[in-house]
Amino acid sequence: DAANKDVEAANKDVAAANEARGQADKALEALREDLESARGGGEADQARLGAELQDARDEVQRRGDALRLAEAGRDMAREEASAALAEVERTRLELDAANKDVAAALA
């Protein structure tokens, strides 16, 4: 049950990171459009927009990295949940075998 909650939390982290990455992508596209419209403008405007564009690219990269980390965390949580379920099943089979041994001994 705890493993399932970890997976659910990891899925939420991935969704949030994906949303943040999408927002950064939109901001980057808006800056690209601003830069295109400023091509005929002054050098100062172009330099400012170029710097903002680079900042936005960096932000997209950071958010992409965060998304990949969240996805890795989700994958680890899934693996841990799977391992926990396998352990529960293994224990159940051992208990079944022990119960059969006890029944055979009592018979």
C-alpha atoms as a PDB file:
ATOM      1  CA  ASP A   1       0.000   0.000   0.000  1.00  0.00           C
ATOM      2  CA  ALA A   2       2.822   2.398   0.848  1.00  0.00           C
ATOM      3  CA  ALA A   3       4.538   1.449  -2.397  1.00  0.00           C
ATOM      4  CA  ASN A   4       1.363   2.301  -4.334  1.00  0.00           C
ATOM      5  CA  LYS A   5       1.211   5.691  -2.610  1.00  0.00           C
ATOM      6  CA  ASP A   6       4.835   6.288  -3.600  1.00  0.00           C
ATOM      7  CA  VAL A   7       3.961   5.497  -7.213  1.00  0.00           C
ATOM      8  CA  GLU A   8       0.956   7.822  -7.100  1.00  0.00           C
ATOM      9  CA  ALA A   9       3.083  10.619  -5.639  1.00  0.00           C
ATOM     10  CA  ALA A  10       5.754  10.027  -8.275  1.00  0.00           C
ATOM     11  CA  ASN A  11       3.107  10.168 -11.016  1.00  0.00           C
ATOM     12  CA  LYS A  12       1.966  13.544  -9.653  1.00  0.00           C
ATOM     13  CA  ASP A  13       5.575  14.770  -9.635  1.00  0.00           C
ATOM     14  CA  VAL A  14       5.946  13.743 -13.276  1.00  0.00           C
ATOM     15  CA  ALA A  15       2.705  15.493 -14.222  1.00  0.00           C
ATOM     16  CA  ALA A  16       3.778  18.685 -12.439  1.00  0.00           C
ATOM     17  CA  ALA A  17       7.224  18.612 -14.033  1.00  0.00           C
ATOM     18  CA  ASN A  18       5.666  18.002 -17.439  1.00  0.00           C
ATOM     19  CA  GLU A  19       3.317  20.956 -16.950  1.00  0.00           C
ATOM     20  CA  ALA A  20       6.210  23.188 -15.897  1.00  0.00           C
ATOM     21  CA  ARG A  21       8.182  22.113 -18.957  1.00  0.00           C
ATOM     22  CA  GLY A  22       5.200  22.952 -21.177  1.00  0.00           C
ATOM     23  CA  GLN A  23       4.928  26.418 -19.636  1.00  0.00           C
ATOM     24  CA  ALA A  24       8.632  27.025 -20.192  1.00  0.00           C
ATOM     25  CA  ASP A  25       8.281  25.919 -23.807  1.00  0.00           C
ATOM     26  CA  LYS A  26       5.434  28.417 -24.298  1.00  0.00           C
ATOM     27  CA  ALA A  27       7.471  31.226 -22.754  1.00  0.00           C
ATOM     28  CA  LEU A  28      10.393  30.348 -25.008  1.00  0.00           C
ATOM     29  CA  GLU A  29       8.178  30.449 -28.085  1.00  0.00           C
ATOM     30  CA  ALA A  30       6.763  33.842 -27.062  1.00  0.00           C
ATOM     31  CA  LEU A  31      10.288  35.200 -26.683  1.00  0.00           C
ATOM     32  CA  ARG A  32      11.244  33.839 -30.087  1.00  0.00           C
ATOM     33  CA  GLU A  33       8.284  35.691 -31.579  1.00  0.00           C
ATOM     34  CA  ASP A  34       9.294  38.883 -29.759  1.00  0.00           C
ATOM     35  CA  LEU A  35      12.835  38.526 -31.072  1.00  0.00           C
ATOM     36  CA  GLU A  36      11.574  38.051 -34.615  1.00  0.00           C
ATOM     37  CA  SER A  37       9.413  41.169 -34.343  1.00  0.00           C
ATOM     38  CA  ALA A  38      12.341  43.163 -32.938  1.00  0.00           C
ATOM     39  CA  ARG A  39      14.692  42.253 -35.806  1.00  0.00           C
ATOM     40  CA  GLY A  40      14.133  45.667 -37.347  1.00  0.00           C
ATOM     41  CA  GLY A  41      14.500  47.411 -33.976  1.00  0.00           C
ATOM     42  CA  GLY A  42      17.536  48.669 -32.167  1.00  0.00           C
ATOM     43  CA  GLU A  43      20.503  46.594 -31.146  1.00  0.00           C
ATOM     44  CA  ALA A  44      19.726  47.112 -27.457  1.00  0.00           C
ATOM     45  CA  ASP A  45      16.264  45.570 -27.884  1.00  0.00           C
ATOM     46  CA  GLN A  46      17.705  42.675 -29.828  1.00  0.00           C
ATOM     47  CA  ALA A  47      20.425  42.112 -27.221  1.00  0.00           C
ATOM     48  CA  ARG A  48      17.892  42.225 -24.384  1.00  0.00           C
ATOM     49  CA  LEU A  49      15.564  39.811 -26.153  1.00  0.00           C
ATOM     50  CA  GLY A  50      18.493  37.565 -27.046  1.00  0.00           C
ATOM     51  CA  ALA A  51      19.466  37.391 -23.373  1.00  0.00           C
ATOM     52  CA  GLU A  52      15.864  36.686 -22.372  1.00  0.00           C
ATOM     53  CA  LEU A  53      15.689  33.992 -25.026  1.00  0.00           C
ATOM     54  CA  GLN A  54      18.826  32.336 -23.646  1.00  0.00           C
ATOM     55  CA  ASP A  55      17.394  32.522 -20.112  1.00  0.00           C
ATOM     56  CA  ALA A  56      14.198  30.897 -21.362  1.00  0.00           C
ATOM     57  CA  ARG A  57      16.215  28.165 -23.104  1.00  0.00           C
ATOM     58  CA  ASP A  58      18.094  27.548 -19.866  1.00  0.00           C
ATOM     59  CA  GLU A  59      14.792  27.348 -17.984  1.00  0.00           C
ATOM     60  CA  VAL A  60      13.414  24.838 -20.494  1.00  0.00           C
ATOM     61  CA  GLN A  61      16.569  22.773 -19.981  1.00  0.00           C
ATOM     62  CA  ARG A  62      16.243  22.919 -16.175  1.00  0.00           C
ATOM     63  CA  ARG A  63      12.604  21.928 -16.316  1.00  0.00           C
ATOM     64  CA  GLY A  64      13.412  19.142 -18.759  1.00  0.00           C
ATOM     65  CA  ASP A  65      16.031  17.882 -16.323  1.00  0.00           C
ATOM     66  CA  ALA A  66      13.484  18.054 -13.492  1.00  0.00           C
ATOM     67  CA  LEU A  67      11.020  16.106 -15.632  1.00  0.00           C
ATOM     68  CA  ARG A  68      13.589  13.387 -16.316  1.00  0.00           C
ATOM     69  CA  LEU A  69      14.390  13.162 -12.598  1.00  0.00           C
ATOM     70  CA  ALA A  70      10.697  12.905 -11.739  1.00  0.00           C
ATOM     71  CA  GLU A  71      10.265  10.180 -14.343  1.00  0.00           C
ATOM     72  CA  ALA A  72      13.250   8.292 -12.914  1.00  0.00           C
ATOM     73  CA  GLY A  73      11.752   8.610  -9.420  1.00  0.00           C
ATOM     74  CA  ARG A  74       8.439   7.299 -10.701  1.00  0.00           C
ATOM     75  CA  ASP A  75      10.157   4.354 -12.367  1.00  0.00           C
ATOM     76  CA  MET A  76      12.020   3.550  -9.150  1.00  0.00           C
ATOM     77  CA  ALA A  77       8.791   3.736  -7.147  1.00  0.00           C
ATOM     78  CA  ARG A  78       7.135   1.364  -9.614  1.00  0.00           C
ATOM     79  CA  GLU A  79      10.049  -1.069  -9.344  1.00  0.00           C
ATOM     80  CA  GLU A  80       9.896  -0.935  -5.546  1.00  0.00           C
ATOM     81  CA  ALA A  81       6.140  -1.538  -5.620  1.00  0.00           C
ATOM     82  CA  SER A  82       6.636  -4.479  -7.946  1.00  0.00           C
ATOM     83  CA  ALA A  83       9.354  -5.919  -5.704  1.00  0.00           C
ATOM     84  CA  ALA A  84       7.106  -5.498  -2.650  1.00  0.00           C
ATOM     85  CA  LEU A  85       4.264  -7.318  -4.410  1.00  0.00           C
ATOM     86  CA  ALA A  86       6.620 -10.115  -5.426  1.00  0.00           C
ATOM     87  CA  GLU A  87       7.768 -10.459  -1.809  1.00  0.00           C
ATOM     88  CA  VAL A  88       4.160 -10.630  -0.609  1.00  0.00           C
ATOM     89  CA  GLU A  89       3.409 -13.343  -3.165  1.00  0.00           C
ATOM     90  CA  ARG A  90       6.553 -15.277  -2.214  1.00  0.00           C
ATOM     91  CA  THR A  91       5.572 -15.102   1.472  1.00  0.00           C
ATOM     92  CA  ARG A  92       2.035 -16.246   0.664  1.00  0.00           C
ATOM     93  CA  LEU A  93       3.364 -19.253  -1.231  1.00  0.00           C
ATOM     94  CA  GLU A  94       5.691 -20.115   1.649  1.00  0.00           C
ATOM     95  CA  LEU A  95       2.776 -19.912   4.085  1.00  0.00           C
ATOM     96  CA  ASP A  96       0.654 -22.119   1.834  1.00  0.00           C
ATOM     97  CA  ALA A  97       3.454 -24.689   1.701  1.00  0.00           C
ATOM     98  CA  ALA A  98       3.890 -24.553   5.487  1.00  0.00           C
ATOM     99  CA  ASN A  99       0.146 -25.006   6.002  1.00  0.00           C
ATOM    100  CA  LYS A 100       0.216 -28.072   3.749  1.00  0.00           C
ATOM    101  CA  ASP A 101       3.154 -29.468   5.744  1.00  0.00           C
ATOM    102  CA  VAL A 102       1.266 -28.936   8.982  1.00  0.00           C
ATOM    103  CA  ALA A 103      -1.879 -30.543   7.547  1.00  0.00           C
ATOM    104  CA  ALA A 104       0.144 -33.512   6.342  1.00  0.00           C
ATOM    105  CA  ALA A 105       1.821 -33.878   9.730  1.00  0.00           C
ATOM    106  CA  LEU A 106      -1.526 -33.776  11.516  1.00  0.00           C
ATOM    107  CA  ALA A 107      -3.139 -36.286   9.193  1.00  0.00           C
END
